[in-house]
PDB file of N, CA and C in Angstrom:
ATOM      1  N   MET A   1      36.186 -33.636  21.219  1.00  0.00           N
ATOM      2  CA  MET A   1      35.213 -34.431  20.498  1.00  0.00           C
ATOM      3  C   MET A   1      34.083 -33.562  19.938  1.00  0.00           C
ATOM      4  N   ILE A   2      33.538 -32.678  20.789  1.00  0.00           N
ATOM      5  CA  ILE A   2      32.444 -31.808  20.342  1.00  0.00           C
ATOM      6  C   ILE A   2      32.946 -30.804  19.307  1.00  0.00           C
ATOM      7  N   ARG A   3      34.152 -30.323  19.500  1.00  0.00           N
ATOM      8  CA  ARG A   3      34.718 -29.362  18.557  1.00  0.00           C
ATOM      9  C   ARG A   3      34.911 -30.007  17.187  1.00  0.00           C
ATOM     10  N   THR A   4      35.372 -31.213  17.151  1.00  0.00           N
ATOM     11  CA  THR A   4      35.573 -31.920  15.891  1.00  0.00           C
ATOM     12  C   THR A   4      34.236 -32.186  15.198  1.00  0.00           C
ATOM     13  N   LEU A   5      33.238 -32.566  15.979  1.00  0.00           N
ATOM     14  CA  LEU A   5      31.913 -32.827  15.418  1.00  0.00           C
ATOM     15  C   LEU A   5      31.296 -31.542  14.862  1.00  0.00           C
ATOM     16  N   ALA A   6      31.450 -30.424  15.580  1.00  0.00           N
ATOM     17  CA  ALA A   6      30.917 -29.144  15.115  1.00  0.00           C
ATOM     18  C   ALA A   6      31.625 -28.690  13.837  1.00  0.00           C
ATOM     19  N   THR A   7      32.934 -28.880  13.771  1.00  0.00           N
ATOM     20  CA  THR A   7      33.694 -28.501  12.576  1.00  0.00           C
ATOM     21  C   THR A   7      33.267 -29.356  11.377  1.00  0.00           C
ATOM     22  N   ALA A   8      33.067 -30.641  11.596  1.00  0.00           N
ATOM     23  CA  ALA A   8      32.638 -31.528  10.511  1.00  0.00           C
ATOM     24  C   ALA A   8      31.232 -31.169  10.034  1.00  0.00           C
ATOM     25  N   ALA A   9      30.341 -30.821  10.967  1.00  0.00           N
ATOM     26  CA  ALA A   9      28.981 -30.439  10.591  1.00  0.00           C
ATOM     27  C   ALA A   9      28.984 -29.136   9.802  1.00  0.00           C
ATOM     28  N   ALA A  10      29.814 -28.179  10.201  1.00  0.00           N
ATOM     29  CA  ALA A  10      29.899 -26.910   9.480  1.00  0.00           C
ATOM     30  C   ALA A  10      30.461 -27.118   8.069  1.00  0.00           C
ATOM     31  N   ALA A  11      31.469 -27.946   7.959  1.00  0.00           N
ATOM     32  CA  ALA A  11      32.055 -28.204   6.642  1.00  0.00           C
ATOM     33  C   ALA A  11      31.058 -28.928   5.731  1.00  0.00           C
ATOM     34  N   ALA A  12      30.322 -29.860   6.297  1.00  0.00           N
ATOM     35  CA  ALA A  12      29.338 -30.586   5.495  1.00  0.00           C
ATOM     36  C   ALA A  12      28.215 -29.669   5.041  1.00  0.00           C
ATOM     37  N   SER A  13      27.761 -28.775   5.913  1.00  0.00           N
ATOM     38  CA  SER A  13      26.680 -27.867   5.520  1.00  0.00           C
ATOM     39  C   SER A  13      27.147 -26.874   4.455  1.00  0.00           C
ATOM     40  N   LEU A  14      28.402 -26.428   4.534  1.00  0.00           N
ATOM     41  CA  LEU A  14      28.931 -25.538   3.500  1.00  0.00           C
ATOM     42  C   LEU A  14      29.077 -26.265   2.158  1.00  0.00           C
ATOM     43  N   ALA A  15      29.400 -27.543   2.201  1.00  0.00           N
ATOM     44  CA  ALA A  15      29.567 -28.302   0.963  1.00  0.00           C
ATOM     45  C   ALA A  15      28.222 -28.647   0.334  1.00  0.00           C
ATOM     46  N   ILE A  16      27.192 -28.869   1.130  1.00  0.00           N
ATOM     47  CA  ILE A  16      25.898 -29.302   0.617  1.00  0.00           C
ATOM     48  C   ILE A  16      24.995 -28.125   0.237  1.00  0.00           C
ATOM     49  N   ALA A  17      25.244 -26.942   0.745  1.00  0.00           N
ATOM     50  CA  ALA A  17      24.371 -25.790   0.499  1.00  0.00           C
ATOM     51  C   ALA A  17      24.173 -25.479  -0.984  1.00  0.00           C
ATOM     52  N   PRO A  18      25.198 -25.433  -1.823  1.00  0.00           N
ATOM     53  CA  PRO A  18      24.955 -25.160  -3.254  1.00  0.00           C
ATOM     54  C   PRO A  18      24.117 -26.239  -3.937  1.00  0.00           C
ATOM     55  N   LEU A  19      24.312 -27.486  -3.530  1.00  0.00           N
ATOM     56  CA  LEU A  19      23.512 -28.562  -4.121  1.00  0.00           C
ATOM     57  C   LEU A  19      22.049 -28.446  -3.722  1.00  0.00           C
ATOM     58  N   ALA A  20      21.803 -28.055  -2.489  1.00  0.00           N
ATOM     59  CA  ALA A  20      20.420 -27.894  -2.035  1.00  0.00           C
ATOM     60  C   ALA A  20      19.756 -26.709  -2.738  1.00  0.00           C
ATOM     61  N   ALA A  21      20.521 -25.668  -3.019  1.00  0.00           N
ATOM     62  CA  ALA A  21      19.953 -24.502  -3.701  1.00  0.00           C
ATOM     63  C   ALA A  21      19.591 -24.831  -5.146  1.00  0.00           C
ATOM     64  N   GLN A  22      20.350 -25.675  -5.797  1.00  0.00           N
ATOM     65  CA  GLN A  22      20.046 -26.062  -7.171  1.00  0.00           C
ATOM     66  C   GLN A  22      18.835 -26.972  -7.241  1.00  0.00           C
ATOM     67  N   ALA A  23      18.589 -27.721  -6.184  1.00  0.00           N
ATOM     68  CA  ALA A  23      17.484 -28.672  -6.182  1.00  0.00           C
ATOM     69  C   ALA A  23      16.150 -27.997  -5.900  1.00  0.00           C
ATOM     70  N   ALA A  24      16.172 -26.737  -5.536  1.00  0.00           N
ATOM     71  CA  ALA A  24      14.929 -26.028  -5.237  1.00  0.00           C
ATOM     72  C   ALA A  24      14.096 -25.898  -6.510  1.00  0.00           C
ATOM     73  N   PRO A  25      12.763 -26.027  -6.391  1.00  0.00           N
ATOM     74  CA  PRO A  25      11.918 -25.904  -7.587  1.00  0.00           C
ATOM     75  C   PRO A  25      11.930 -24.475  -8.130  1.00  0.00           C
ATOM     76  N   ALA A  26      11.713 -24.358  -9.429  1.00  0.00           N
ATOM     77  CA  ALA A  26      11.686 -23.038 -10.067  1.00  0.00           C
ATOM     78  C   ALA A  26      10.450 -22.273  -9.617  1.00  0.00           C
ATOM     79  N   ARG A  27      10.596 -20.993  -9.485  1.00  0.00           N
ATOM     80  CA  ARG A  27       9.461 -20.157  -9.071  1.00  0.00           C
ATOM     81  C   ARG A  27       8.556 -19.889 -10.264  1.00  0.00           C
ATOM     82  N   ILE A  28       7.273 -20.018 -10.023  1.00  0.00           N
ATOM     83  CA  ILE A  28       6.285 -19.781 -11.071  1.00  0.00           C
ATOM     84  C   ILE A  28       5.365 -18.678 -10.576  1.00  0.00           C
ATOM     85  N   GLY A  29       5.103 -17.679 -11.391  1.00  0.00           N
ATOM     86  CA  GLY A  29       4.236 -16.575 -11.016  1.00  0.00           C
ATOM     87  C   GLY A  29       2.797 -17.025 -10.840  1.00  0.00           C
ATOM     88  N   ALA A  30       2.101 -16.342  -9.980  1.00  0.00           N
ATOM     89  CA  ALA A  30       0.697 -16.660  -9.749  1.00  0.00           C
ATOM     90  C   ALA A  30      -0.127 -16.240 -10.964  1.00  0.00           C
ATOM     91  N   PRO A  31      -1.128 -17.017 -11.307  1.00  0.00           N
ATOM     92  CA  PRO A  31      -1.964 -16.643 -12.457  1.00  0.00           C
ATOM     93  C   PRO A  31      -2.786 -15.395 -12.141  1.00  0.00           C
ATOM     94  N   ALA A  32      -2.836 -14.493 -13.076  1.00  0.00           N
ATOM     95  CA  ALA A  32      -3.592 -13.258 -12.894  1.00  0.00           C
ATOM     96  C   ALA A  32      -5.016 -13.464 -13.385  1.00  0.00           C
ATOM     97  N   SER A  33      -5.955 -12.964 -12.620  1.00  0.00           N
ATOM     98  CA  SER A  33      -7.345 -13.075 -13.037  1.00  0.00           C
ATOM     99  C   SER A  33      -7.704 -11.923 -13.967  1.00  0.00           C
ATOM    100  N   ALA A  34      -8.830 -12.015 -14.604  1.00  0.00           N
ATOM    101  CA  ALA A  34      -9.268 -10.963 -15.524  1.00  0.00           C
ATOM    102  C   ALA A  34      -9.556  -9.675 -14.772  1.00  0.00           C
ATOM    103  N   GLU A  35     -10.035  -9.787 -13.526  1.00  0.00           N
ATOM    104  CA  GLU A  35     -10.326  -8.585 -12.744  1.00  0.00           C
ATOM    105  C   GLU A  35      -9.057  -7.819 -12.433  1.00  0.00           C
ATOM    106  N   ALA A  36      -7.985  -8.506 -12.111  1.00  0.00           N
ATOM    107  CA  ALA A  36      -6.723  -7.845 -11.795  1.00  0.00           C
ATOM    108  C   ALA A  36      -6.176  -7.129 -13.024  1.00  0.00           C
ATOM    109  N   GLU A  37      -6.331  -7.719 -14.185  1.00  0.00           N
ATOM    110  CA  GLU A  37      -5.845  -7.086 -15.402  1.00  0.00           C
ATOM    111  C   GLU A  37      -6.662  -5.852 -15.751  1.00  0.00           C
ATOM    112  N   GLU A  38      -7.960  -5.876 -15.469  1.00  0.00           N
ATOM    113  CA  GLU A  38      -8.798  -4.715 -15.761  1.00  0.00           C
ATOM    114  C   GLU A  38      -8.455  -3.547 -14.856  1.00  0.00           C
ATOM    115  N   ILE A  39      -8.172  -3.814 -13.593  1.00  0.00           N
ATOM    116  CA  ILE A  39      -7.826  -2.738 -12.659  1.00  0.00           C
ATOM    117  C   ILE A  39      -6.491  -2.117 -13.056  1.00  0.00           C
ATOM    118  N   GLY A  40      -5.522  -2.937 -13.430  1.00  0.00           N
ATOM    119  CA  GLY A  40      -4.208  -2.431 -13.804  1.00  0.00           C
ATOM    120  C   GLY A  40      -4.212  -1.724 -15.148  1.00  0.00           C
ATOM    121  N   GLY A  41      -5.256  -1.858 -15.933  1.00  0.00           N
ATOM    122  CA  GLY A  41      -5.288  -1.276 -17.256  1.00  0.00           C
ATOM    123  C   GLY A  41      -5.809   0.144 -17.307  1.00  0.00           C
ATOM    124  N   ALA A  42      -6.062   0.775 -16.159  1.00  0.00           N
ATOM    125  CA  ALA A  42      -6.584   2.135 -16.131  1.00  0.00           C
ATOM    126  C   ALA A  42      -5.507   3.092 -15.620  1.00  0.00           C
ATOM    127  N   PRO A  43      -4.625   3.587 -16.501  1.00  0.00           N
ATOM    128  CA  PRO A  43      -3.546   4.463 -16.034  1.00  0.00           C
ATOM    129  C   PRO A  43      -4.039   5.859 -15.637  1.00  0.00           C
ATOM    130  N   ILE A  44      -5.251   6.240 -16.009  1.00  0.00           N
ATOM    131  CA  ILE A  44      -5.762   7.571 -15.689  1.00  0.00           C
ATOM    132  C   ILE A  44      -6.374   7.607 -14.289  1.00  0.00           C
ATOM    133  N   LEU A  45      -6.654   6.437 -13.716  1.00  0.00           N
ATOM    134  CA  LEU A  45      -7.356   6.373 -12.441  1.00  0.00           C
ATOM    135  C   LEU A  45      -6.551   6.994 -11.302  1.00  0.00           C
ATOM    136  N   LEU A  46      -5.287   6.676 -11.179  1.00  0.00           N
ATOM    137  CA  LEU A  46      -4.480   7.199 -10.085  1.00  0.00           C
ATOM    138  C   LEU A  46      -4.308   8.721 -10.152  1.00  0.00           C
ATOM    139  N   PRO A  47      -3.926   9.301 -11.283  1.00  0.00           N
ATOM    140  CA  PRO A  47      -3.824  10.760 -11.330  1.00  0.00           C
ATOM    141  C   PRO A  47      -5.163  11.458 -11.060  1.00  0.00           C
ATOM    142  N   LEU A  48      -6.258  10.840 -11.499  1.00  0.00           N
ATOM    143  CA  LEU A  48      -7.573  11.412 -11.248  1.00  0.00           C
ATOM    144  C   LEU A  48      -7.895  11.421  -9.755  1.00  0.00           C
ATOM    145  N   LEU A  49      -7.562  10.341  -9.055  1.00  0.00           N
ATOM    146  CA  LEU A  49      -7.783  10.291  -7.614  1.00  0.00           C
ATOM    147  C   LEU A  49      -6.902  11.297  -6.871  1.00  0.00           C
ATOM    148  N   VAL A  50      -5.668  11.472  -7.321  1.00  0.00           N
ATOM    149  CA  VAL A  50      -4.772  12.459  -6.697  1.00  0.00           C
ATOM    150  C   VAL A  50      -5.308  13.866  -6.910  1.00  0.00           C
ATOM    151  N   LEU A  51      -5.795  14.158  -8.100  1.00  0.00           N
ATOM    152  CA  LEU A  51      -6.361  15.466  -8.388  1.00  0.00           C
ATOM    153  C   LEU A  51      -7.607  15.725  -7.545  1.00  0.00           C
ATOM    154  N   LEU A  52      -8.446  14.720  -7.399  1.00  0.00           N
ATOM    155  CA  LEU A  52      -9.645  14.854  -6.579  1.00  0.00           C
ATOM    156  C   LEU A  52      -9.293  15.087  -5.111  1.00  0.00           C
ATOM    157  N   ALA A  53      -8.312  14.356  -4.598  1.00  0.00           N
ATOM    158  CA  ALA A  53      -7.891  14.536  -3.208  1.00  0.00           C
ATOM    159  C   ALA A  53      -7.300  15.928  -2.989  1.00  0.00           C
ATOM    160  N   ALA A  54      -6.528  16.434  -3.958  1.00  0.00           N
ATOM    161  CA  ALA A  54      -5.953  17.769  -3.839  1.00  0.00           C
ATOM    162  C   ALA A  54      -7.047  18.832  -3.857  1.00  0.00           C
ATOM    163  N   ALA A  55      -8.050  18.673  -4.705  1.00  0.00           N
ATOM    164  CA  ALA A  55      -9.145  19.649  -4.761  1.00  0.00           C
ATOM    165  C   ALA A  55      -9.929  19.659  -3.457  1.00  0.00           C
ATOM    166  N   ILE A  56     -10.203  18.487  -2.913  1.00  0.00           N
ATOM    167  CA  ILE A  56     -10.927  18.435  -1.636  1.00  0.00           C
ATOM    168  C   ILE A  56     -10.088  19.045  -0.520  1.00  0.00           C
ATOM    169  N   GLY A  57      -8.791  18.801  -0.528  1.00  0.00           N
ATOM    170  CA  GLY A  57      -7.904  19.389   0.477  1.00  0.00           C
ATOM    171  C   GLY A  57      -7.868  20.901   0.398  1.00  0.00           C
ATOM    172  N   ILE A  58      -7.819  21.450  -0.811  1.00  0.00           N
ATOM    173  CA  ILE A  58      -7.806  22.908  -0.980  1.00  0.00           C
ATOM    174  C   ILE A  58      -9.118  23.515  -0.505  1.00  0.00           C
ATOM    175  N   ILE A  59     -10.220  22.858  -0.819  1.00  0.00           N
ATOM    176  CA  ILE A  59     -11.529  23.361  -0.385  1.00  0.00           C
ATOM    177  C   ILE A  59     -11.634  23.348   1.128  1.00  0.00           C
ATOM    178  N   LEU A  60     -11.134  22.307   1.761  1.00  0.00           N
ATOM    179  CA  LEU A  60     -11.214  22.220   3.222  1.00  0.00           C
ATOM    180  C   LEU A  60     -10.276  23.214   3.912  1.00  0.00           C
ATOM    181  N   ILE A  61      -9.118  23.468   3.323  1.00  0.00           N
ATOM    182  CA  ILE A  61      -8.147  24.384   3.943  1.00  0.00           C
ATOM    183  C   ILE A  61      -8.601  25.834   3.810  1.00  0.00           C
ATOM    184  N   THR A  62      -9.079  26.204   2.653  1.00  0.00           N
ATOM    185  CA  THR A  62      -9.490  27.593   2.430  1.00  0.00           C
ATOM    186  C   THR A  62     -10.957  27.750   2.812  1.00  0.00           C
ATOM    187  N   ASP A  63     -11.175  28.384   3.918  1.00  0.00           N
ATOM    188  CA  ASP A  63     -12.542  28.648   4.373  1.00  0.00           C
ATOM    189  C   ASP A  63     -12.793  30.133   4.143  1.00  0.00           C
ATOM    190  N   GLY A  64     -13.548  30.476   3.122  1.00  0.00           N
ATOM    191  CA  GLY A  64     -13.742  31.857   2.724  1.00  0.00           C
ATOM    192  C   GLY A  64     -14.826  32.600   3.500  1.00  0.00           C
ATOM    193  N   ASP A  65     -15.545  31.967   4.389  1.00  0.00           N
ATOM    194  CA  ASP A  65     -16.641  32.617   5.096  1.00  0.00           C
ATOM    195  C   ASP A  65     -16.164  33.499   6.244  1.00  0.00           C
ATOM    196  N   SER A  66     -15.117  33.121   6.931  1.00  0.00           N
ATOM    197  CA  SER A  66     -14.695  33.907   8.096  1.00  0.00           C
ATOM    198  C   SER A  66     -13.527  34.822   7.727  1.00  0.00           C
ATOM    199  N   PRO A  67     -13.573  36.076   8.143  1.00  0.00           N
ATOM    200  CA  PRO A  67     -12.460  37.001   7.854  1.00  0.00           C
ATOM    201  C   PRO A  67     -11.242  36.667   8.716  1.00  0.00           C
ATOM    202  N   THR A  68     -10.061  37.010   8.213  1.00  0.00           N
ATOM    203  CA  THR A  68      -8.833  36.713   8.958  1.00  0.00           C
ATOM    204  C   THR A  68      -8.488  37.828   9.934  1.00  0.00           C
ATOM    205  N   SER A  69      -8.960  39.054   9.705  1.00  0.00           N
ATOM    206  CA  SER A  69      -8.650  40.144  10.634  1.00  0.00           C
ATOM    207  C   SER A  69      -9.850  40.396  11.553  1.00  0.00           C
ATOM    208  N   PRO A  70      -9.586  40.856  12.783  1.00  0.00           N
ATOM    209  CA  PRO A  70     -10.703  41.094  13.732  1.00  0.00           C
ATOM    210  C   PRO A  70     -11.495  42.335  13.435  1.00  0.00           C
TER     211      PRO A  70
END
């Protein structure tokens, strides 16, 4: 009895799944604010930040005040 009920439930769920997927509402993108568009419109910002981080890293790594030999 339980086996028959489980088989019927599985068959029904497999038959109804495509219909349920079609009934799902269409996805709509979130509205973008003006601030988000302004931030995304600066393509020079990221390379500039990478260059600044690399320069600071080089300055911190190379310490020219202390000699390397004793």
